[in-house]
N, C-alpha and C. Protein backbone atom coordinates (compact mmCIF):
# COMPACT_ATOMS: atom_id res chain seq x y z
N MET A 1 43.71 17.53 -143.64
CA MET A 1 43.04 17.27 -144.92
C MET A 1 43.22 15.80 -145.29
N GLY A 2 42.20 15.22 -145.93
CA GLY A 2 42.27 13.83 -146.35
C GLY A 2 43.07 13.67 -147.64
N ARG A 3 42.71 12.69 -148.45
CA ARG A 3 43.45 12.47 -149.69
C ARG A 3 43.33 13.66 -150.61
N ALA A 4 44.35 13.84 -151.44
CA ALA A 4 44.37 14.99 -152.34
C ALA A 4 43.34 14.82 -153.45
N LEU A 5 42.83 15.93 -153.91
CA LEU A 5 41.89 15.93 -155.03
C LEU A 5 42.61 15.48 -156.29
N SER A 6 41.96 14.63 -157.06
CA SER A 6 42.56 14.11 -158.29
C SER A 6 42.91 15.24 -159.25
N PRO A 7 44.01 15.10 -159.99
CA PRO A 7 44.35 16.12 -161.00
C PRO A 7 43.51 16.03 -162.26
N ARG A 8 42.66 15.02 -162.34
CA ARG A 8 41.82 14.83 -163.52
C ARG A 8 40.43 15.42 -163.30
N LEU A 9 39.75 15.72 -164.41
CA LEU A 9 38.36 16.16 -164.32
C LEU A 9 37.49 15.03 -163.76
N PRO A 10 36.48 15.36 -162.98
CA PRO A 10 35.57 14.32 -162.50
C PRO A 10 34.69 13.80 -163.64
N GLN A 11 34.20 12.58 -163.47
CA GLN A 11 33.24 12.03 -164.43
C GLN A 11 31.83 12.53 -164.17
N ALA A 12 31.61 13.04 -162.97
CA ALA A 12 30.31 13.63 -162.62
C ALA A 12 30.52 14.49 -161.38
N VAL A 13 29.62 15.45 -161.19
CA VAL A 13 29.66 16.29 -159.99
C VAL A 13 28.28 16.23 -159.33
N ILE A 14 28.28 15.93 -158.04
CA ILE A 14 27.03 15.78 -157.30
C ILE A 14 26.95 16.89 -156.25
N PHE A 15 25.89 17.65 -156.34
CA PHE A 15 25.68 18.82 -155.49
C PHE A 15 24.74 18.50 -154.33
N ASP A 16 25.10 18.90 -153.14
CA ASP A 16 24.11 19.05 -152.08
C ASP A 16 23.22 20.24 -152.48
N MET A 17 22.12 20.45 -151.79
CA MET A 17 21.27 21.60 -152.13
C MET A 17 21.24 22.65 -151.02
N ASP A 18 20.77 22.27 -149.83
CA ASP A 18 20.61 23.23 -148.75
C ASP A 18 21.96 23.69 -148.21
N GLY A 19 22.21 24.99 -148.31
CA GLY A 19 23.48 25.54 -147.86
C GLY A 19 24.58 25.48 -148.89
N LEU A 20 24.31 24.82 -150.02
CA LEU A 20 25.31 24.69 -151.08
C LEU A 20 24.86 25.39 -152.35
N ILE A 21 23.63 25.11 -152.78
CA ILE A 21 23.04 25.81 -153.92
C ILE A 21 22.24 27.02 -153.44
N PHE A 22 21.51 26.83 -152.34
CA PHE A 22 20.67 27.89 -151.79
C PHE A 22 21.06 28.20 -150.35
N ASP A 23 20.69 29.40 -149.90
CA ASP A 23 20.93 29.82 -148.52
C ASP A 23 19.87 29.26 -147.57
N THR A 24 19.46 28.04 -147.76
CA THR A 24 18.32 27.51 -147.02
C THR A 24 18.66 27.06 -145.61
N GLU A 25 19.89 26.63 -145.35
CA GLU A 25 20.21 26.14 -144.00
C GLU A 25 19.96 27.22 -142.96
N ALA A 26 20.33 28.45 -143.27
CA ALA A 26 20.10 29.55 -142.33
C ALA A 26 18.61 29.74 -142.08
N PHE A 27 17.80 29.58 -143.13
CA PHE A 27 16.35 29.73 -142.97
C PHE A 27 15.77 28.63 -142.08
N TYR A 28 16.23 27.39 -142.29
CA TYR A 28 15.75 26.29 -141.45
C TYR A 28 16.09 26.56 -139.99
N GLN A 29 17.30 27.07 -139.74
CA GLN A 29 17.69 27.37 -138.36
C GLN A 29 16.82 28.46 -137.75
N LYS A 30 16.65 29.55 -138.49
CA LYS A 30 15.83 30.66 -137.99
C LYS A 30 14.39 30.22 -137.75
N ALA A 31 13.86 29.43 -138.65
CA ALA A 31 12.47 28.97 -138.51
C ALA A 31 12.31 28.08 -137.28
N LEU A 32 13.27 27.19 -137.04
CA LEU A 32 13.18 26.29 -135.89
C LEU A 32 13.33 27.06 -134.58
N LEU A 33 14.29 27.96 -134.52
CA LEU A 33 14.47 28.74 -133.31
C LEU A 33 13.28 29.66 -133.05
N GLY A 34 12.72 30.24 -134.13
CA GLY A 34 11.57 31.11 -133.98
C GLY A 34 10.35 30.36 -133.47
N LEU A 35 10.11 29.18 -134.01
CA LEU A 35 8.98 28.36 -133.58
C LEU A 35 9.14 27.94 -132.12
N ALA A 36 10.34 27.53 -131.76
CA ALA A 36 10.60 27.11 -130.38
C ALA A 36 10.38 28.27 -129.41
N HIS A 37 10.80 29.46 -129.82
CA HIS A 37 10.61 30.63 -128.97
C HIS A 37 9.12 30.94 -128.80
N GLU A 38 8.36 30.87 -129.90
CA GLU A 38 6.92 31.13 -129.85
C GLU A 38 6.22 30.20 -128.87
N ARG A 39 6.69 28.95 -128.82
CA ARG A 39 6.01 27.94 -128.02
C ARG A 39 6.67 27.72 -126.66
N GLY A 40 7.67 28.52 -126.35
CA GLY A 40 8.33 28.40 -125.05
C GLY A 40 9.08 27.10 -124.87
N MET A 41 9.58 26.54 -125.95
CA MET A 41 10.30 25.26 -125.89
C MET A 41 11.79 25.52 -125.69
N THR A 42 12.18 25.65 -124.43
CA THR A 42 13.56 26.00 -124.11
C THR A 42 14.54 24.86 -124.41
N ALA A 43 14.02 23.66 -124.64
CA ALA A 43 14.91 22.53 -124.96
C ALA A 43 15.55 22.68 -126.33
N ILE A 44 14.93 23.49 -127.21
CA ILE A 44 15.49 23.72 -128.54
C ILE A 44 16.51 24.85 -128.44
N THR A 45 17.75 24.49 -128.18
CA THR A 45 18.83 25.45 -128.04
C THR A 45 19.64 25.53 -129.33
N GLN A 46 20.52 26.51 -129.43
CA GLN A 46 21.34 26.64 -130.63
C GLN A 46 22.18 25.39 -130.89
N PRO A 47 22.81 24.78 -129.87
CA PRO A 47 23.56 23.54 -130.14
C PRO A 47 22.69 22.42 -130.72
N ILE A 48 21.44 22.33 -130.28
CA ILE A 48 20.53 21.32 -130.84
C ILE A 48 20.23 21.65 -132.29
N VAL A 49 19.94 22.91 -132.56
CA VAL A 49 19.66 23.33 -133.93
C VAL A 49 20.86 23.07 -134.83
N ASP A 50 22.05 23.32 -134.32
CA ASP A 50 23.26 23.08 -135.12
C ASP A 50 23.38 21.62 -135.56
N GLN A 51 22.89 20.72 -134.74
CA GLN A 51 22.99 19.30 -135.07
C GLN A 51 22.11 18.91 -136.25
N THR A 52 21.13 19.74 -136.59
CA THR A 52 20.22 19.41 -137.69
C THR A 52 20.82 19.71 -139.06
N ILE A 53 21.93 20.45 -139.10
CA ILE A 53 22.50 20.86 -140.38
C ILE A 53 23.00 19.65 -141.16
N GLY A 54 22.47 19.46 -142.35
CA GLY A 54 22.87 18.34 -143.19
C GLY A 54 22.34 17.00 -142.73
N LEU A 55 21.47 16.99 -141.73
CA LEU A 55 20.93 15.75 -141.19
C LEU A 55 19.65 15.37 -141.91
N SER A 56 19.42 14.07 -142.10
CA SER A 56 18.19 13.63 -142.75
C SER A 56 16.99 13.99 -141.89
N TRP A 57 15.81 14.06 -142.53
CA TRP A 57 14.60 14.38 -141.78
C TRP A 57 14.27 13.31 -140.76
N SER A 58 14.51 12.05 -141.09
CA SER A 58 14.22 10.98 -140.13
C SER A 58 15.11 11.09 -138.90
N SER A 59 16.39 11.40 -139.11
CA SER A 59 17.30 11.56 -137.98
C SER A 59 16.99 12.83 -137.19
N THR A 60 16.55 13.87 -137.90
CA THR A 60 16.14 15.10 -137.22
C THR A 60 14.93 14.84 -136.33
N ARG A 61 14.01 14.03 -136.82
CA ARG A 61 12.83 13.69 -136.01
C ARG A 61 13.25 12.97 -134.73
N VAL A 62 14.20 12.04 -134.84
CA VAL A 62 14.70 11.32 -133.67
C VAL A 62 15.33 12.30 -132.68
N LEU A 63 16.10 13.25 -133.21
CA LEU A 63 16.75 14.25 -132.35
C LEU A 63 15.72 15.08 -131.60
N LEU A 64 14.69 15.56 -132.31
CA LEU A 64 13.67 16.37 -131.67
C LEU A 64 12.87 15.57 -130.64
N ALA A 65 12.59 14.32 -130.96
CA ALA A 65 11.85 13.47 -130.03
C ALA A 65 12.64 13.23 -128.74
N ARG A 66 13.94 13.27 -128.86
CA ARG A 66 14.80 13.05 -127.70
C ARG A 66 14.81 14.26 -126.76
N VAL A 67 14.71 15.48 -127.33
CA VAL A 67 14.87 16.67 -126.47
C VAL A 67 13.55 17.32 -126.08
N LEU A 68 12.48 17.10 -126.87
CA LEU A 68 11.21 17.74 -126.56
C LEU A 68 10.41 16.91 -125.55
N PRO A 69 9.51 17.54 -124.80
CA PRO A 69 8.67 16.80 -123.85
C PRO A 69 7.86 15.72 -124.54
N GLY A 70 7.54 14.67 -123.80
CA GLY A 70 6.84 13.53 -124.37
C GLY A 70 5.45 13.82 -124.88
N ASN A 71 4.85 14.93 -124.43
CA ASN A 71 3.49 15.24 -124.87
C ASN A 71 3.45 16.06 -126.15
N VAL A 72 4.60 16.34 -126.72
CA VAL A 72 4.67 17.12 -127.96
C VAL A 72 4.47 16.20 -129.16
N ASP A 73 3.57 16.57 -130.05
CA ASP A 73 3.37 15.84 -131.31
C ASP A 73 4.51 16.23 -132.25
N ILE A 74 5.49 15.35 -132.39
CA ILE A 74 6.70 15.68 -133.14
C ILE A 74 6.38 15.97 -134.61
N ASP A 75 5.51 15.18 -135.20
CA ASP A 75 5.19 15.39 -136.62
C ASP A 75 4.48 16.72 -136.83
N ALA A 76 3.58 17.08 -135.91
CA ALA A 76 2.90 18.37 -136.01
C ALA A 76 3.90 19.51 -135.82
N PHE A 77 4.83 19.31 -134.91
CA PHE A 77 5.86 20.33 -134.67
C PHE A 77 6.72 20.52 -135.92
N ILE A 78 7.13 19.42 -136.56
CA ILE A 78 7.92 19.52 -137.78
C ILE A 78 7.11 20.18 -138.89
N GLY A 79 5.81 19.89 -138.93
CA GLY A 79 4.96 20.54 -139.92
C GLY A 79 4.91 22.04 -139.73
N ALA A 80 4.82 22.48 -138.48
CA ALA A 80 4.80 23.92 -138.19
C ALA A 80 6.14 24.55 -138.52
N TRP A 81 7.22 23.84 -138.22
CA TRP A 81 8.56 24.31 -138.57
C TRP A 81 8.67 24.50 -140.09
N THR A 82 8.16 23.53 -140.83
CA THR A 82 8.22 23.61 -142.29
C THR A 82 7.42 24.81 -142.81
N GLU A 83 6.27 25.07 -142.20
CA GLU A 83 5.47 26.23 -142.61
C GLU A 83 6.23 27.53 -142.38
N HIS A 84 6.89 27.63 -141.24
CA HIS A 84 7.70 28.81 -140.95
C HIS A 84 8.81 28.95 -142.00
N TYR A 85 9.46 27.83 -142.31
CA TYR A 85 10.54 27.85 -143.30
C TYR A 85 10.02 28.27 -144.68
N ASN A 86 8.91 27.69 -145.09
CA ASN A 86 8.36 28.00 -146.42
C ASN A 86 8.04 29.49 -146.56
N ALA A 87 7.49 30.08 -145.51
CA ALA A 87 7.16 31.50 -145.56
C ALA A 87 8.43 32.34 -145.69
N MET A 88 9.46 31.95 -144.97
CA MET A 88 10.72 32.69 -145.03
C MET A 88 11.39 32.52 -146.39
N ALA A 89 11.43 31.29 -146.88
CA ALA A 89 12.09 31.02 -148.16
C ALA A 89 11.38 31.72 -149.31
N ALA A 90 10.06 31.80 -149.24
CA ALA A 90 9.29 32.45 -150.31
C ALA A 90 9.67 33.92 -150.44
N ARG A 91 10.07 34.53 -149.32
CA ARG A 91 10.42 35.95 -149.34
C ARG A 91 11.90 36.19 -149.64
N GLU A 92 12.77 35.29 -149.18
CA GLU A 92 14.19 35.65 -149.10
C GLU A 92 15.15 34.69 -149.79
N LEU A 93 14.68 33.60 -150.36
CA LEU A 93 15.58 32.59 -150.91
C LEU A 93 16.48 33.18 -152.00
N SER A 94 17.76 32.81 -151.94
CA SER A 94 18.70 33.28 -152.96
C SER A 94 19.72 32.19 -153.27
N LEU A 95 20.33 32.31 -154.44
CA LEU A 95 21.39 31.37 -154.85
C LEU A 95 22.68 31.71 -154.13
N LYS A 96 23.45 30.67 -153.83
CA LYS A 96 24.79 30.89 -153.31
C LYS A 96 25.69 31.37 -154.45
N PRO A 97 26.70 32.17 -154.15
CA PRO A 97 27.59 32.68 -155.20
C PRO A 97 28.29 31.56 -155.96
N GLY A 98 28.31 31.67 -157.28
CA GLY A 98 29.05 30.74 -158.12
C GLY A 98 28.26 29.57 -158.66
N VAL A 99 26.99 29.41 -158.25
CA VAL A 99 26.20 28.26 -158.72
C VAL A 99 26.08 28.26 -160.24
N THR A 100 25.63 29.36 -160.79
CA THR A 100 25.41 29.43 -162.24
C THR A 100 26.71 29.26 -163.01
N GLU A 101 27.76 29.90 -162.53
CA GLU A 101 29.06 29.80 -163.22
C GLU A 101 29.59 28.37 -163.21
N LEU A 102 29.41 27.67 -162.10
CA LEU A 102 29.88 26.29 -162.03
C LEU A 102 29.07 25.39 -162.97
N LEU A 103 27.77 25.57 -163.00
CA LEU A 103 26.95 24.77 -163.91
C LEU A 103 27.34 25.05 -165.37
N ASP A 104 27.62 26.31 -165.68
CA ASP A 104 28.08 26.65 -167.03
C ASP A 104 29.37 25.91 -167.37
N ALA A 105 30.31 25.90 -166.43
CA ALA A 105 31.61 25.26 -166.66
C ALA A 105 31.46 23.76 -166.86
N LEU A 106 30.57 23.14 -166.08
CA LEU A 106 30.36 21.70 -166.21
C LEU A 106 29.64 21.35 -167.51
N GLU A 107 28.64 22.15 -167.86
CA GLU A 107 27.92 21.91 -169.12
C GLU A 107 28.84 22.06 -170.31
N ALA A 108 29.74 23.03 -170.27
CA ALA A 108 30.66 23.25 -171.38
C ALA A 108 31.58 22.06 -171.60
N ARG A 109 31.77 21.26 -170.55
CA ARG A 109 32.67 20.10 -170.63
C ARG A 109 31.90 18.79 -170.63
N ASP A 110 30.58 18.87 -170.75
CA ASP A 110 29.70 17.69 -170.79
C ASP A 110 29.89 16.79 -169.57
N ILE A 111 30.08 17.39 -168.42
CA ILE A 111 30.22 16.63 -167.18
C ILE A 111 28.84 16.49 -166.54
N PRO A 112 28.37 15.27 -166.34
CA PRO A 112 27.04 15.06 -165.76
C PRO A 112 26.92 15.66 -164.36
N ARG A 113 25.68 16.05 -164.01
CA ARG A 113 25.44 16.73 -162.76
C ARG A 113 24.21 16.15 -162.07
N ALA A 114 24.28 16.08 -160.75
CA ALA A 114 23.15 15.59 -159.96
C ALA A 114 23.02 16.42 -158.70
N VAL A 115 21.82 16.38 -158.13
CA VAL A 115 21.58 16.93 -156.80
C VAL A 115 21.28 15.76 -155.87
N ALA A 116 21.91 15.76 -154.70
CA ALA A 116 21.63 14.76 -153.67
C ALA A 116 21.25 15.51 -152.41
N THR A 117 19.96 15.58 -152.12
CA THR A 117 19.47 16.38 -151.01
C THR A 117 18.57 15.57 -150.09
N GLY A 118 18.58 15.95 -148.81
CA GLY A 118 17.67 15.34 -147.86
C GLY A 118 16.31 16.01 -147.83
N SER A 119 16.12 17.04 -148.64
CA SER A 119 14.83 17.72 -148.70
C SER A 119 13.79 16.85 -149.40
N HIS A 120 12.52 17.13 -149.12
CA HIS A 120 11.45 16.45 -149.83
C HIS A 120 11.46 16.86 -151.30
N ARG A 121 10.98 15.98 -152.16
CA ARG A 121 11.03 16.23 -153.60
C ARG A 121 10.27 17.49 -153.99
N ASP A 122 9.10 17.71 -153.40
CA ASP A 122 8.34 18.89 -153.79
C ASP A 122 9.08 20.18 -153.44
N VAL A 123 9.77 20.19 -152.30
CA VAL A 123 10.53 21.38 -151.90
C VAL A 123 11.72 21.58 -152.83
N ALA A 124 12.46 20.51 -153.08
CA ALA A 124 13.65 20.62 -153.94
C ALA A 124 13.27 21.08 -155.34
N LEU A 125 12.23 20.49 -155.90
CA LEU A 125 11.82 20.87 -157.26
C LEU A 125 11.28 22.29 -157.30
N ARG A 126 10.58 22.70 -156.26
CA ARG A 126 10.07 24.07 -156.23
C ARG A 126 11.22 25.07 -156.23
N HIS A 127 12.21 24.84 -155.37
CA HIS A 127 13.34 25.78 -155.30
C HIS A 127 14.12 25.78 -156.61
N LEU A 128 14.43 24.60 -157.13
CA LEU A 128 15.22 24.52 -158.36
C LEU A 128 14.48 25.11 -159.55
N THR A 129 13.17 24.87 -159.59
CA THR A 129 12.36 25.40 -160.69
C THR A 129 12.24 26.92 -160.60
N ASP A 130 12.08 27.43 -159.39
CA ASP A 130 11.94 28.88 -159.21
C ASP A 130 13.16 29.63 -159.75
N PHE A 131 14.32 28.97 -159.71
CA PHE A 131 15.55 29.60 -160.19
C PHE A 131 16.00 29.03 -161.54
N ALA A 132 15.08 28.31 -162.22
CA ALA A 132 15.34 27.75 -163.55
C ALA A 132 16.60 26.87 -163.56
N LEU A 133 16.74 26.05 -162.52
CA LEU A 133 17.91 25.17 -162.42
C LEU A 133 17.58 23.69 -162.60
N HIS A 134 16.31 23.33 -162.49
CA HIS A 134 15.96 21.91 -162.47
C HIS A 134 16.41 21.18 -163.73
N HIS A 135 16.35 21.85 -164.88
CA HIS A 135 16.72 21.20 -166.13
C HIS A 135 18.23 21.12 -166.33
N ARG A 136 18.99 21.71 -165.44
CA ARG A 136 20.45 21.73 -165.59
C ARG A 136 21.12 20.54 -164.87
N PHE A 137 20.30 19.71 -164.23
CA PHE A 137 20.81 18.51 -163.57
C PHE A 137 20.24 17.27 -164.25
N HIS A 138 21.08 16.25 -164.37
CA HIS A 138 20.63 15.01 -165.02
C HIS A 138 19.73 14.18 -164.11
N THR A 139 19.92 14.33 -162.80
CA THR A 139 19.03 13.63 -161.86
C THR A 139 18.99 14.42 -160.57
N ILE A 140 17.88 14.30 -159.85
CA ILE A 140 17.69 14.97 -158.57
C ILE A 140 17.24 13.91 -157.57
N VAL A 141 18.10 13.59 -156.64
CA VAL A 141 17.83 12.57 -155.63
C VAL A 141 17.39 13.27 -154.35
N THR A 142 16.20 12.90 -153.86
CA THR A 142 15.63 13.56 -152.69
C THR A 142 15.33 12.54 -151.59
N LYS A 143 14.71 13.02 -150.52
CA LYS A 143 14.36 12.16 -149.39
C LYS A 143 13.57 10.94 -149.84
N GLU A 144 12.67 11.12 -150.78
CA GLU A 144 11.80 10.03 -151.20
C GLU A 144 12.53 8.93 -151.96
N ASP A 145 13.74 9.20 -152.43
CA ASP A 145 14.49 8.22 -153.22
C ASP A 145 15.38 7.32 -152.39
N CYS A 146 15.48 7.58 -151.08
CA CYS A 146 16.43 6.85 -150.24
C CYS A 146 15.75 6.34 -148.97
N ILE A 147 16.20 5.20 -148.54
CA ILE A 147 15.77 4.68 -147.24
C ILE A 147 16.52 5.38 -146.13
N ASN A 148 17.82 5.57 -146.35
CA ASN A 148 18.68 6.18 -145.35
C ASN A 148 19.21 7.51 -145.86
N GLY A 149 19.01 8.57 -145.08
CA GLY A 149 19.52 9.87 -145.46
C GLY A 149 20.91 10.13 -144.91
N LYS A 150 21.45 11.28 -145.26
CA LYS A 150 22.77 11.68 -144.76
C LYS A 150 22.74 11.73 -143.22
N PRO A 151 23.82 11.28 -142.56
CA PRO A 151 25.17 11.01 -143.07
C PRO A 151 25.40 9.64 -143.68
N ASP A 152 24.36 8.84 -143.86
CA ASP A 152 24.51 7.58 -144.58
C ASP A 152 24.92 7.89 -146.03
N PRO A 153 25.73 7.04 -146.67
CA PRO A 153 26.17 7.30 -148.05
C PRO A 153 25.11 7.07 -149.12
N GLU A 154 23.94 6.54 -148.76
CA GLU A 154 22.96 6.16 -149.77
C GLU A 154 22.59 7.29 -150.75
N PRO A 155 22.37 8.54 -150.31
CA PRO A 155 22.00 9.57 -151.29
C PRO A 155 23.05 9.77 -152.39
N PHE A 156 24.32 9.71 -152.03
CA PHE A 156 25.36 9.89 -153.03
C PHE A 156 25.53 8.64 -153.89
N LEU A 157 25.42 7.48 -153.29
CA LEU A 157 25.51 6.24 -154.07
C LEU A 157 24.35 6.13 -155.06
N THR A 158 23.17 6.55 -154.63
CA THR A 158 22.00 6.53 -155.51
C THR A 158 22.20 7.49 -156.67
N SER A 159 22.74 8.66 -156.39
CA SER A 159 23.01 9.64 -157.45
C SER A 159 23.98 9.09 -158.48
N ALA A 160 25.05 8.47 -158.02
CA ALA A 160 26.04 7.89 -158.94
C ALA A 160 25.43 6.78 -159.77
N ALA A 161 24.58 5.98 -159.15
CA ALA A 161 23.94 4.88 -159.88
C ALA A 161 23.03 5.43 -160.98
N TYR A 162 22.26 6.47 -160.67
CA TYR A 162 21.39 7.08 -161.68
C TYR A 162 22.20 7.67 -162.83
N LEU A 163 23.36 8.23 -162.52
CA LEU A 163 24.21 8.81 -163.55
C LEU A 163 25.05 7.77 -164.28
N GLN A 164 25.06 6.56 -163.74
CA GLN A 164 25.83 5.44 -164.31
C GLN A 164 27.33 5.76 -164.34
N VAL A 165 27.82 6.25 -163.22
CA VAL A 165 29.24 6.52 -163.05
C VAL A 165 29.71 5.88 -161.75
N GLU A 166 30.99 5.58 -161.66
CA GLU A 166 31.55 5.02 -160.44
C GLU A 166 31.66 6.12 -159.38
N PRO A 167 31.29 5.83 -158.14
CA PRO A 167 31.37 6.86 -157.10
C PRO A 167 32.77 7.47 -156.97
N ALA A 168 33.80 6.65 -157.13
CA ALA A 168 35.17 7.14 -156.95
C ALA A 168 35.56 8.19 -157.99
N SER A 169 34.83 8.24 -159.10
CA SER A 169 35.15 9.21 -160.15
C SER A 169 34.34 10.49 -160.03
N CYS A 170 33.55 10.61 -158.96
CA CYS A 170 32.67 11.77 -158.76
C CYS A 170 33.26 12.77 -157.77
N TRP A 171 32.99 14.02 -158.02
CA TRP A 171 33.19 15.05 -157.01
C TRP A 171 31.86 15.26 -156.29
N ALA A 172 31.91 15.32 -154.97
CA ALA A 172 30.73 15.62 -154.16
C ALA A 172 30.94 16.96 -153.50
N LEU A 173 30.00 17.87 -153.70
CA LEU A 173 30.09 19.22 -153.16
C LEU A 173 29.14 19.35 -151.98
N GLU A 174 29.69 19.68 -150.82
CA GLU A 174 28.90 19.71 -149.59
C GLU A 174 29.30 20.90 -148.72
N ASP A 175 28.38 21.29 -147.85
CA ASP A 175 28.66 22.39 -146.92
C ASP A 175 28.69 21.96 -145.47
N SER A 176 28.25 20.73 -145.16
CA SER A 176 28.10 20.32 -143.76
C SER A 176 28.89 19.07 -143.44
N LEU A 177 29.13 18.86 -142.15
CA LEU A 177 29.84 17.66 -141.71
C LEU A 177 29.06 16.41 -142.07
N ASN A 178 27.73 16.41 -141.83
CA ASN A 178 26.94 15.22 -142.15
C ASN A 178 26.99 14.90 -143.64
N GLY A 179 26.97 15.93 -144.47
CA GLY A 179 27.07 15.71 -145.91
C GLY A 179 28.43 15.20 -146.33
N ILE A 180 29.48 15.74 -145.75
CA ILE A 180 30.84 15.28 -146.06
C ILE A 180 31.01 13.83 -145.65
N ARG A 181 30.49 13.47 -144.48
CA ARG A 181 30.56 12.06 -144.05
C ARG A 181 29.86 11.15 -145.06
N SER A 182 28.69 11.57 -145.51
CA SER A 182 27.93 10.79 -146.47
C SER A 182 28.71 10.58 -147.76
N ALA A 183 29.25 11.66 -148.30
CA ALA A 183 29.99 11.58 -149.57
C ALA A 183 31.29 10.80 -149.41
N HIS A 184 31.98 11.02 -148.31
CA HIS A 184 33.23 10.29 -148.06
C HIS A 184 32.98 8.79 -147.97
N ASP A 185 31.94 8.41 -147.23
CA ASP A 185 31.64 6.98 -147.08
C ASP A 185 31.11 6.36 -148.37
N ALA A 186 30.65 7.21 -149.30
CA ALA A 186 30.26 6.72 -150.63
C ALA A 186 31.48 6.51 -151.53
N GLY A 187 32.64 6.93 -151.05
CA GLY A 187 33.87 6.74 -151.82
C GLY A 187 34.15 7.85 -152.82
N MET A 188 33.48 8.99 -152.67
CA MET A 188 33.65 10.09 -153.62
C MET A 188 34.75 11.05 -153.18
N GLU A 189 35.20 11.87 -154.12
CA GLU A 189 36.13 12.94 -153.79
C GLU A 189 35.31 14.10 -153.22
N THR A 190 35.59 14.45 -151.99
CA THR A 190 34.76 15.39 -151.26
C THR A 190 35.36 16.79 -151.30
N ILE A 191 34.52 17.75 -151.67
CA ILE A 191 34.90 19.16 -151.64
C ILE A 191 33.90 19.88 -150.75
N MET A 192 34.41 20.50 -149.71
CA MET A 192 33.54 21.23 -148.79
C MET A 192 33.58 22.72 -149.10
N ILE A 193 32.41 23.30 -149.19
CA ILE A 193 32.27 24.75 -149.30
C ILE A 193 31.48 25.16 -148.06
N PRO A 194 32.16 25.52 -146.99
CA PRO A 194 31.47 25.77 -145.72
C PRO A 194 30.40 26.85 -145.84
N ASP A 195 29.30 26.63 -145.12
CA ASP A 195 28.19 27.58 -145.12
C ASP A 195 28.09 28.26 -143.76
N LEU A 196 27.47 27.62 -142.80
CA LEU A 196 27.27 28.25 -141.49
C LEU A 196 28.44 28.02 -140.53
N PHE A 197 29.21 26.95 -140.74
CA PHE A 197 30.29 26.62 -139.82
C PHE A 197 31.56 26.25 -140.57
N ALA A 198 32.69 26.65 -140.02
CA ALA A 198 33.98 26.23 -140.55
C ALA A 198 34.21 24.77 -140.18
N PRO A 199 34.90 24.02 -141.02
CA PRO A 199 35.13 22.60 -140.72
C PRO A 199 36.07 22.41 -139.53
N ASP A 200 35.76 21.43 -138.70
CA ASP A 200 36.66 21.08 -137.61
C ASP A 200 37.68 20.06 -138.11
N ALA A 201 38.53 19.60 -137.23
CA ALA A 201 39.61 18.70 -137.63
C ALA A 201 39.07 17.39 -138.20
N ASP A 202 38.00 16.86 -137.60
CA ASP A 202 37.42 15.61 -138.09
C ASP A 202 36.88 15.77 -139.51
N THR A 203 36.25 16.92 -139.77
CA THR A 203 35.70 17.17 -141.10
C THR A 203 36.82 17.34 -142.12
N ARG A 204 37.85 18.07 -141.75
CA ARG A 204 38.98 18.28 -142.66
C ARG A 204 39.61 16.96 -143.08
N ALA A 205 39.64 16.02 -142.16
CA ALA A 205 40.26 14.72 -142.46
C ALA A 205 39.47 13.94 -143.51
N LEU A 206 38.20 14.29 -143.72
CA LEU A 206 37.36 13.59 -144.69
C LEU A 206 37.30 14.33 -146.03
N CYS A 207 37.90 15.51 -146.11
CA CYS A 207 37.82 16.35 -147.31
C CYS A 207 39.04 16.19 -148.20
N CYS A 208 38.79 16.20 -149.50
CA CYS A 208 39.89 16.28 -150.47
C CYS A 208 40.28 17.73 -150.74
N HIS A 209 39.32 18.63 -150.53
CA HIS A 209 39.59 20.05 -150.76
C HIS A 209 38.53 20.84 -150.00
N ILE A 210 38.92 22.01 -149.49
CA ILE A 210 37.98 22.93 -148.87
C ILE A 210 38.06 24.23 -149.65
N ALA A 211 36.93 24.64 -150.22
CA ALA A 211 36.89 25.81 -151.09
C ALA A 211 36.17 26.96 -150.39
N ALA A 212 36.60 28.17 -150.70
CA ALA A 212 35.98 29.35 -150.11
C ALA A 212 34.60 29.61 -150.69
N SER A 213 34.39 29.19 -151.93
CA SER A 213 33.10 29.40 -152.60
C SER A 213 33.03 28.48 -153.81
N LEU A 214 31.88 28.45 -154.45
CA LEU A 214 31.74 27.67 -155.68
C LEU A 214 32.56 28.27 -156.81
N HIS A 215 32.88 29.55 -156.72
CA HIS A 215 33.78 30.14 -157.72
C HIS A 215 35.13 29.43 -157.71
N GLU A 216 35.58 29.04 -156.54
CA GLU A 216 36.85 28.32 -156.44
C GLU A 216 36.73 26.94 -157.09
N VAL A 217 35.57 26.31 -157.00
CA VAL A 217 35.37 25.02 -157.66
C VAL A 217 35.41 25.20 -159.17
N VAL A 218 34.89 26.30 -159.68
CA VAL A 218 35.00 26.61 -161.11
C VAL A 218 36.49 26.63 -161.50
N SER A 219 37.31 27.26 -160.70
CA SER A 219 38.74 27.32 -160.98
C SER A 219 39.38 25.94 -160.97
N LEU A 220 38.92 25.07 -160.07
CA LEU A 220 39.43 23.70 -160.05
C LEU A 220 39.11 22.97 -161.34
N ILE A 221 37.91 23.18 -161.85
CA ILE A 221 37.51 22.58 -163.12
C ILE A 221 38.36 23.14 -164.26
N GLU A 222 38.51 24.44 -164.30
CA GLU A 222 39.29 25.07 -165.37
C GLU A 222 40.75 24.64 -165.35
N ASP A 223 41.31 24.47 -164.17
CA ASP A 223 42.70 24.04 -164.04
C ASP A 223 42.93 22.63 -164.58
N ARG A 224 41.86 21.84 -164.63
CA ARG A 224 41.98 20.45 -165.08
C ARG A 224 41.54 20.27 -166.51
N SER A 225 41.19 21.33 -167.17
CA SER A 225 40.67 21.24 -168.54
C SER A 225 41.80 21.30 -169.57
């Protein structure tokens, strides 16, 4: 484990979205594997899919271009992947446990909140609006707001700048290694709530705390109140 989590309340809390607020990471994986199977693209293996978790869309495009045959239209392929994902999410999307309770705890203490996601703005707003969450965040930073996506620190630094708080005084909530790297390099206190994979030793070294769920983060807030 990295440095210990501060005993003080954070000045702001910045949430990842996919795999942290919503069960979307699993849907992205299923959609990509399903599309690859339909098209007989054996180069898209589970280890390749695993690398996309928490990765920016631009970096994901580079990854796919590296493993797929040269005659594949990568942008068209990503578009088809997105269509598969949208159909799945429309039927099955759900909140991760503890999201509402954590937002309630932060609102009760007037702690500013942001979302820092690599998703496109229309997707992020659609999901957040569908669950009546969009108005509960002071800012929503998406792919369109950053030149460099995760694991670059820009999404978290941009969120802190919009909230007008110092990065070091923020808690960053993430579920993936790429997200933890991004938040750590932004100088924030990193809390990992694992989604699809348990953290490895490298990830643990970048975390201030690893929580079993967002309910545990609620307890961390209450303990500091």
